[in-house]
Amino acid sequence: MTLIFLGLLILLIGLVVRTTLGKPNLFLKIIIHMLGGIVGLWLLDFLLSILGFAIPINFFTIILVGLLGFPGVIALVILQLLGI
């Protein structure tokens, strides 16, 4: 699973570089937003697992983060802190 998220991170970096060099279109911006949220979820889960705080990565969390991007990650952290 880690290799999948590392692949998504490399794809995200490539898309950001492509967008920076050329004229970005709306579809590319949406894809960058979604990938940024999913990679952010993975990184936050990876870093917080050291402290014993874990955000489950499942279908619901990936859909939420895919739709909302990084603000979805923040919403998941708040929900986890509240115990919901």
N, C-alpha and C. Protein backbone atom coordinates (compact mmCIF):
# COMPACT_ATOMS: atom_id res chain seq x y z
N MET A 1 0.83 -1.19 0.00
CA MET A 1 0.00 0.00 0.00
C MET A 1 0.87 1.25 0.00
N THR A 2 2.01 1.17 0.68
CA THR A 2 2.92 2.32 0.71
C THR A 2 3.43 2.64 -0.68
N LEU A 3 3.69 1.62 -1.48
CA LEU A 3 4.19 1.86 -2.84
C LEU A 3 3.15 2.57 -3.70
N ILE A 4 1.89 2.26 -3.47
CA ILE A 4 0.81 2.92 -4.22
C ILE A 4 0.81 4.42 -3.91
N PHE A 5 0.91 4.76 -2.63
CA PHE A 5 0.89 6.16 -2.25
C PHE A 5 2.16 6.89 -2.66
N LEU A 6 3.28 6.20 -2.67
CA LEU A 6 4.51 6.82 -3.18
C LEU A 6 4.40 7.07 -4.67
N GLY A 7 3.76 6.15 -5.39
CA GLY A 7 3.50 6.38 -6.82
C GLY A 7 2.59 7.56 -7.05
N LEU A 8 1.56 7.70 -6.20
CA LEU A 8 0.67 8.86 -6.32
C LEU A 8 1.41 10.16 -6.01
N LEU A 9 2.34 10.12 -5.06
CA LEU A 9 3.14 11.30 -4.74
C LEU A 9 4.00 11.70 -5.93
N ILE A 10 4.62 10.74 -6.58
CA ILE A 10 5.44 11.04 -7.76
C ILE A 10 4.57 11.59 -8.88
N LEU A 11 3.38 11.02 -9.06
CA LEU A 11 2.45 11.53 -10.07
C LEU A 11 2.02 12.95 -9.75
N LEU A 12 1.76 13.22 -8.48
CA LEU A 12 1.38 14.57 -8.06
C LEU A 12 2.48 15.57 -8.34
N ILE A 13 3.71 15.21 -8.03
CA ILE A 13 4.84 16.11 -8.30
C ILE A 13 4.96 16.37 -9.79
N GLY A 14 4.81 15.33 -10.60
CA GLY A 14 4.87 15.50 -12.05
C GLY A 14 3.77 16.41 -12.58
N LEU A 15 2.56 16.26 -12.06
CA LEU A 15 1.46 17.12 -12.51
C LEU A 15 1.65 18.57 -12.08
N VAL A 16 2.18 18.77 -10.89
CA VAL A 16 2.43 20.14 -10.43
C VAL A 16 3.49 20.80 -11.30
N VAL A 17 4.54 20.06 -11.64
CA VAL A 17 5.58 20.61 -12.52
C VAL A 17 5.01 20.91 -13.90
N ARG A 18 4.19 20.01 -14.43
CA ARG A 18 3.58 20.24 -15.74
C ARG A 18 2.67 21.46 -15.73
N THR A 19 1.92 21.62 -14.66
CA THR A 19 1.02 22.76 -14.54
C THR A 19 1.81 24.06 -14.42
N THR A 20 2.92 24.01 -13.72
CA THR A 20 3.75 25.21 -13.55
C THR A 20 4.37 25.64 -14.87
N LEU A 21 4.78 24.68 -15.69
CA LEU A 21 5.44 25.00 -16.95
C LEU A 21 4.47 25.40 -18.05
N GLY A 22 3.26 24.90 -18.01
CA GLY A 22 2.30 25.19 -19.07
C GLY A 22 1.06 25.87 -18.54
N LYS A 23 0.09 26.01 -19.41
CA LYS A 23 -1.18 26.60 -19.02
C LYS A 23 -2.06 25.52 -18.40
N PRO A 24 -2.39 25.65 -17.12
CA PRO A 24 -3.20 24.60 -16.48
C PRO A 24 -4.67 24.70 -16.90
N ASN A 25 -5.29 23.55 -17.07
CA ASN A 25 -6.72 23.55 -17.34
C ASN A 25 -7.46 23.09 -16.08
N LEU A 26 -8.76 23.17 -16.11
CA LEU A 26 -9.58 22.88 -14.94
C LEU A 26 -9.45 21.41 -14.51
N PHE A 27 -9.43 20.50 -15.47
CA PHE A 27 -9.32 19.07 -15.15
C PHE A 27 -8.03 18.78 -14.41
N LEU A 28 -6.93 19.37 -14.85
CA LEU A 28 -5.64 19.15 -14.21
C LEU A 28 -5.61 19.72 -12.80
N LYS A 29 -6.25 20.85 -12.60
CA LYS A 29 -6.32 21.44 -11.26
C LYS A 29 -7.11 20.54 -10.31
N ILE A 30 -8.21 19.95 -10.79
CA ILE A 30 -9.02 19.07 -9.96
C ILE A 30 -8.24 17.80 -9.60
N ILE A 31 -7.52 17.24 -10.56
CA ILE A 31 -6.71 16.05 -10.30
C ILE A 31 -5.63 16.35 -9.28
N ILE A 32 -4.96 17.50 -9.39
CA ILE A 32 -3.93 17.88 -8.42
C ILE A 32 -4.53 18.04 -7.04
N HIS A 33 -5.71 18.64 -6.95
CA HIS A 33 -6.39 18.83 -5.68
C HIS A 33 -6.72 17.49 -5.02
N MET A 34 -7.24 16.56 -5.81
CA MET A 34 -7.60 15.24 -5.28
C MET A 34 -6.36 14.46 -4.85
N LEU A 35 -5.34 14.43 -5.70
CA LEU A 35 -4.13 13.69 -5.36
C LEU A 35 -3.42 14.31 -4.15
N GLY A 36 -3.45 15.63 -4.05
CA GLY A 36 -2.85 16.29 -2.90
C GLY A 36 -3.52 15.88 -1.60
N GLY A 37 -4.83 15.77 -1.63
CA GLY A 37 -5.55 15.35 -0.43
C GLY A 37 -5.27 13.91 -0.06
N ILE A 38 -5.23 13.03 -1.05
CA ILE A 38 -4.99 11.61 -0.78
C ILE A 38 -3.56 11.40 -0.28
N VAL A 39 -2.59 12.04 -0.91
CA VAL A 39 -1.21 11.92 -0.45
C VAL A 39 -1.05 12.57 0.92
N GLY A 40 -1.75 13.68 1.15
CA GLY A 40 -1.71 14.32 2.48
C GLY A 40 -2.29 13.42 3.55
N LEU A 41 -3.35 12.69 3.22
CA LEU A 41 -3.93 11.74 4.17
C LEU A 41 -2.93 10.65 4.51
N TRP A 42 -2.27 10.12 3.50
CA TRP A 42 -1.28 9.07 3.73
C TRP A 42 -0.10 9.58 4.57
N LEU A 43 0.41 10.76 4.22
CA LEU A 43 1.54 11.31 4.97
C LEU A 43 1.16 11.59 6.42
N LEU A 44 0.00 12.16 6.62
CA LEU A 44 -0.44 12.46 7.99
C LEU A 44 -0.66 11.18 8.78
N ASP A 45 -1.25 10.18 8.16
CA ASP A 45 -1.44 8.90 8.84
C ASP A 45 -0.09 8.26 9.16
N PHE A 46 0.84 8.34 8.23
CA PHE A 46 2.17 7.77 8.44
C PHE A 46 2.90 8.47 9.58
N LEU A 47 2.85 9.79 9.61
CA LEU A 47 3.56 10.55 10.64
C LEU A 47 2.89 10.42 12.01
N LEU A 48 1.57 10.42 12.04
CA LEU A 48 0.88 10.34 13.32
C LEU A 48 0.84 8.92 13.89
N SER A 49 1.10 7.92 13.05
CA SER A 49 1.12 6.55 13.56
C SER A 49 2.29 6.35 14.52
N ILE A 50 3.31 7.17 14.40
CA ILE A 50 4.44 7.12 15.33
C ILE A 50 3.98 7.49 16.73
N LEU A 51 3.03 8.41 16.83
CA LEU A 51 2.51 8.85 18.12
C LEU A 51 1.35 7.99 18.61
N GLY A 52 0.96 6.99 17.84
CA GLY A 52 -0.15 6.13 18.23
C GLY A 52 -1.50 6.68 17.81
N PHE A 53 -1.52 7.67 16.98
CA PHE A 53 -2.75 8.29 16.49
C PHE A 53 -2.90 7.91 15.03
N ALA A 54 -3.93 7.18 14.69
CA ALA A 54 -4.07 6.70 13.32
C ALA A 54 -5.41 7.10 12.73
N ILE A 55 -5.37 7.48 11.47
CA ILE A 55 -6.59 7.74 10.71
C ILE A 55 -6.77 6.55 9.78
N PRO A 56 -7.89 5.85 9.88
CA PRO A 56 -8.06 4.68 9.01
C PRO A 56 -8.18 5.11 7.55
N ILE A 57 -7.47 4.41 6.70
CA ILE A 57 -7.56 4.67 5.27
C ILE A 57 -8.47 3.59 4.68
N ASN A 58 -9.68 3.98 4.35
CA ASN A 58 -10.65 3.07 3.77
C ASN A 58 -11.39 3.79 2.65
N PHE A 59 -12.41 3.15 2.12
CA PHE A 59 -13.15 3.72 0.99
C PHE A 59 -13.75 5.08 1.33
N PHE A 60 -14.36 5.20 2.52
CA PHE A 60 -15.01 6.45 2.92
C PHE A 60 -14.00 7.59 3.04
N THR A 61 -12.88 7.34 3.69
CA THR A 61 -11.90 8.41 3.89
C THR A 61 -11.27 8.84 2.58
N ILE A 62 -11.02 7.89 1.69
CA ILE A 62 -10.43 8.25 0.39
C ILE A 62 -11.42 9.04 -0.46
N ILE A 63 -12.70 8.68 -0.43
CA ILE A 63 -13.72 9.44 -1.17
C ILE A 63 -13.85 10.85 -0.59
N LEU A 64 -13.88 10.96 0.74
CA LEU A 64 -14.00 12.27 1.38
C LEU A 64 -12.81 13.16 1.04
N VAL A 65 -11.63 12.61 1.12
CA VAL A 65 -10.43 13.39 0.82
C VAL A 65 -10.33 13.67 -0.68
N GLY A 66 -10.78 12.74 -1.50
CA GLY A 66 -10.77 12.98 -2.94
C GLY A 66 -11.69 14.12 -3.35
N LEU A 67 -12.81 14.25 -2.66
CA LEU A 67 -13.75 15.34 -2.97
C LEU A 67 -13.32 16.67 -2.37
N LEU A 68 -12.83 16.64 -1.13
CA LEU A 68 -12.51 17.88 -0.44
C LEU A 68 -11.04 18.28 -0.49
N GLY A 69 -10.17 17.34 -0.83
CA GLY A 69 -8.74 17.64 -0.86
C GLY A 69 -8.17 17.69 0.55
N PHE A 70 -7.18 18.55 0.76
CA PHE A 70 -6.52 18.61 2.06
C PHE A 70 -7.45 19.08 3.18
N PRO A 71 -8.43 19.97 2.93
CA PRO A 71 -9.40 20.27 3.99
C PRO A 71 -10.16 19.03 4.47
N GLY A 72 -10.34 18.05 3.60
CA GLY A 72 -10.94 16.78 4.02
C GLY A 72 -10.06 16.04 5.00
N VAL A 73 -8.75 16.13 4.82
CA VAL A 73 -7.81 15.52 5.76
C VAL A 73 -7.94 16.17 7.13
N ILE A 74 -8.03 17.48 7.14
CA ILE A 74 -8.19 18.21 8.40
C ILE A 74 -9.50 17.82 9.07
N ALA A 75 -10.57 17.67 8.28
CA ALA A 75 -11.86 17.26 8.83
C ALA A 75 -11.77 15.86 9.44
N LEU A 76 -11.05 14.96 8.79
CA LEU A 76 -10.88 13.61 9.33
C LEU A 76 -10.09 13.63 10.64
N VAL A 77 -9.07 14.47 10.73
CA VAL A 77 -8.29 14.58 11.96
C VAL A 77 -9.16 15.09 13.09
N ILE A 78 -9.99 16.09 12.81
CA ILE A 78 -10.88 16.63 13.84
C ILE A 78 -11.89 15.57 14.27
N LEU A 79 -12.45 14.85 13.32
CA LEU A 79 -13.39 13.78 13.67
C LEU A 79 -12.73 12.69 14.51
N GLN A 80 -11.50 12.37 14.18
CA GLN A 80 -10.77 11.35 14.95
C GLN A 80 -10.47 11.84 16.35
N LEU A 81 -10.12 13.13 16.49
CA LEU A 81 -9.85 13.69 17.81
C LEU A 81 -11.11 13.72 18.67
N LEU A 82 -12.26 13.97 18.03
CA LEU A 82 -13.52 13.98 18.78
C LEU A 82 -14.04 12.58 19.08
N GLY A 83 -13.44 11.58 18.47
CA GLY A 83 -13.83 10.20 18.70
C GLY A 83 -15.04 9.76 17.91
N ILE A 84 -15.30 10.44 16.81
CA ILE A 84 -16.46 10.11 15.98
C ILE A 84 -16.04 9.14 14.89
